[in-house]
Amino acid sequence: MATFPVHTHDQKAVLGVAFSFSFLAILAVVLRLTAHKIARKRWTPADYLIITACVRSLELAIVTTTNQV
């Protein structure tokens, strides 16, 4: 496993923003799905697309962060 040293303030800022927004994206999706469960609503194709988009955005954040640091 490769390690990426973080030395500068800019590198720490990039990581902080990437982690924060990734966490917020996951939280939003989890809250949406929880609301569907509480309301006893079935998932729609939009829900599946949102999950897919969340996973893909996390992948993109990981790739861009590891390439920038």
C-alpha atoms as a PDB file:
ATOM      1  CA  MET A   1       0.000   0.000   0.000  1.00  0.00           C
ATOM      2  CA  ALA A   2       1.384   3.364  -0.997  1.00  0.00           C
ATOM      3  CA  THR A   3       1.538   6.188   1.488  1.00  0.00           C
ATOM      4  CA  PHE A   4       1.159   9.816   0.535  1.00  0.00           C
ATOM      5  CA  PRO A   5       2.975  12.275   2.770  1.00  0.00           C
ATOM      6  CA  VAL A   6       1.007  15.372   3.691  1.00  0.00           C
ATOM      7  CA  HIS A   7       3.314  18.256   4.464  1.00  0.00           C
ATOM      8  CA  THR A   8       1.803  21.559   3.370  1.00  0.00           C
ATOM      9  CA  HIS A   9      -1.266  23.420   4.526  1.00  0.00           C
ATOM     10  CA  ASP A  10      -2.737  23.216   1.018  1.00  0.00           C
ATOM     11  CA  GLN A  11      -2.499  19.424   1.053  1.00  0.00           C
ATOM     12  CA  LYS A  12      -4.255  19.292   4.408  1.00  0.00           C
ATOM     13  CA  ALA A  13      -6.961  21.646   3.102  1.00  0.00           C
ATOM     14  CA  VAL A  14      -7.590  19.452   0.052  1.00  0.00           C
ATOM     15  CA  LEU A  15      -7.899  16.361   2.234  1.00  0.00           C
ATOM     16  CA  GLY A  16     -10.171  18.133   4.696  1.00  0.00           C
ATOM     17  CA  VAL A  17     -12.533  19.332   1.983  1.00  0.00           C
ATOM     18  CA  ALA A  18     -12.571  15.926   0.275  1.00  0.00           C
ATOM     19  CA  PHE A  19     -13.342  14.094   3.522  1.00  0.00           C
ATOM     20  CA  SER A  20     -15.954  16.632   4.625  1.00  0.00           C
ATOM     21  CA  PHE A  21     -17.929  16.632   1.398  1.00  0.00           C
ATOM     22  CA  SER A  22     -17.658  12.866   1.046  1.00  0.00           C
ATOM     23  CA  PHE A  23     -19.086  12.479   4.536  1.00  0.00           C
ATOM     24  CA  LEU A  24     -21.902  14.922   3.757  1.00  0.00           C
ATOM     25  CA  ALA A  25     -22.762  13.052   0.542  1.00  0.00           C
ATOM     26  CA  ILE A  26     -22.943   9.723   2.348  1.00  0.00           C
ATOM     27  CA  LEU A  27     -24.995  11.278   5.150  1.00  0.00           C
ATOM     28  CA  ALA A  28     -27.490  12.771   2.685  1.00  0.00           C
ATOM     29  CA  VAL A  29     -27.984   9.439   0.925  1.00  0.00           C
ATOM     30  CA  VAL A  30     -28.360   7.542   4.199  1.00  0.00           C
ATOM     31  CA  LEU A  31     -30.888  10.077   5.485  1.00  0.00           C
ATOM     32  CA  ARG A  32     -32.868   9.866   2.247  1.00  0.00           C
ATOM     33  CA  LEU A  33     -33.014   6.084   2.403  1.00  0.00           C
ATOM     34  CA  THR A  34     -33.894   6.200   6.097  1.00  0.00           C
ATOM     35  CA  ALA A  35     -36.753   8.604   5.338  1.00  0.00           C
ATOM     36  CA  HIS A  36     -38.033   6.190   2.696  1.00  0.00           C
ATOM     37  CA  LYS A  37     -37.924   3.368   5.241  1.00  0.00           C
ATOM     38  CA  ILE A  38     -39.735   5.378   7.911  1.00  0.00           C
ATOM     39  CA  ALA A  39     -42.413   6.447   5.411  1.00  0.00           C
ATOM     40  CA  ARG A  40     -42.600   2.848   4.166  1.00  0.00           C
ATOM     41  CA  LYS A  41     -42.026   3.965   0.609  1.00  0.00           C
ATOM     42  CA  ARG A  42     -40.463   1.756  -2.014  1.00  0.00           C
ATOM     43  CA  TRP A  43     -37.195   2.742  -3.594  1.00  0.00           C
ATOM     44  CA  THR A  44     -37.518   4.276  -7.016  1.00  0.00           C
ATOM     45  CA  PRO A  45     -34.974   4.173  -9.838  1.00  0.00           C
ATOM     46  CA  ALA A  46     -33.862   7.622  -8.665  1.00  0.00           C
ATOM     47  CA  ASP A  47     -32.776   6.134  -5.341  1.00  0.00           C
ATOM     48  CA  TYR A  48     -30.624   3.537  -7.066  1.00  0.00           C
ATOM     49  CA  LEU A  49     -29.101   6.226  -9.271  1.00  0.00           C
ATOM     50  CA  ILE A  50     -28.360   8.393  -6.235  1.00  0.00           C
ATOM     51  CA  ILE A  51     -26.559   5.488  -4.554  1.00  0.00           C
ATOM     52  CA  THR A  52     -24.577   4.861  -7.733  1.00  0.00           C
ATOM     53  CA  ALA A  53     -23.724   8.553  -8.051  1.00  0.00           C
ATOM     54  CA  CYS A  54     -22.578   8.674  -4.419  1.00  0.00           C
ATOM     55  CA  VAL A  55     -20.287   5.675  -4.891  1.00  0.00           C
ATOM     56  CA  ARG A  56     -18.864   7.120  -8.113  1.00  0.00           C
ATOM     57  CA  SER A  57     -18.279  10.520  -6.532  1.00  0.00           C
ATOM     58  CA  LEU A  58     -16.408   8.860  -3.667  1.00  0.00           C
ATOM     59  CA  GLU A  59     -14.267   7.005  -6.185  1.00  0.00           C
ATOM     60  CA  LEU A  60     -13.529  10.256  -7.982  1.00  0.00           C
ATOM     61  CA  ALA A  61     -12.643  11.993  -4.713  1.00  0.00           C
ATOM     62  CA  ILE A  62     -10.236   9.190  -3.810  1.00  0.00           C
ATOM     63  CA  VAL A  63      -8.540   9.186  -7.204  1.00  0.00           C
ATOM     64  CA  THR A  64      -8.171  12.957  -7.426  1.00  0.00           C
ATOM     65  CA  THR A  65      -7.019  13.286  -3.815  1.00  0.00           C
ATOM     66  CA  THR A  66      -4.343  10.628  -4.110  1.00  0.00           C
ATOM     67  CA  ASN A  67      -3.092  12.157  -7.348  1.00  0.00           C
ATOM     68  CA  GLN A  68      -2.924  15.671  -5.858  1.00  0.00           C
ATOM     69  CA  VAL A  69      -1.238  14.858  -2.578  1.00  0.00           C
END
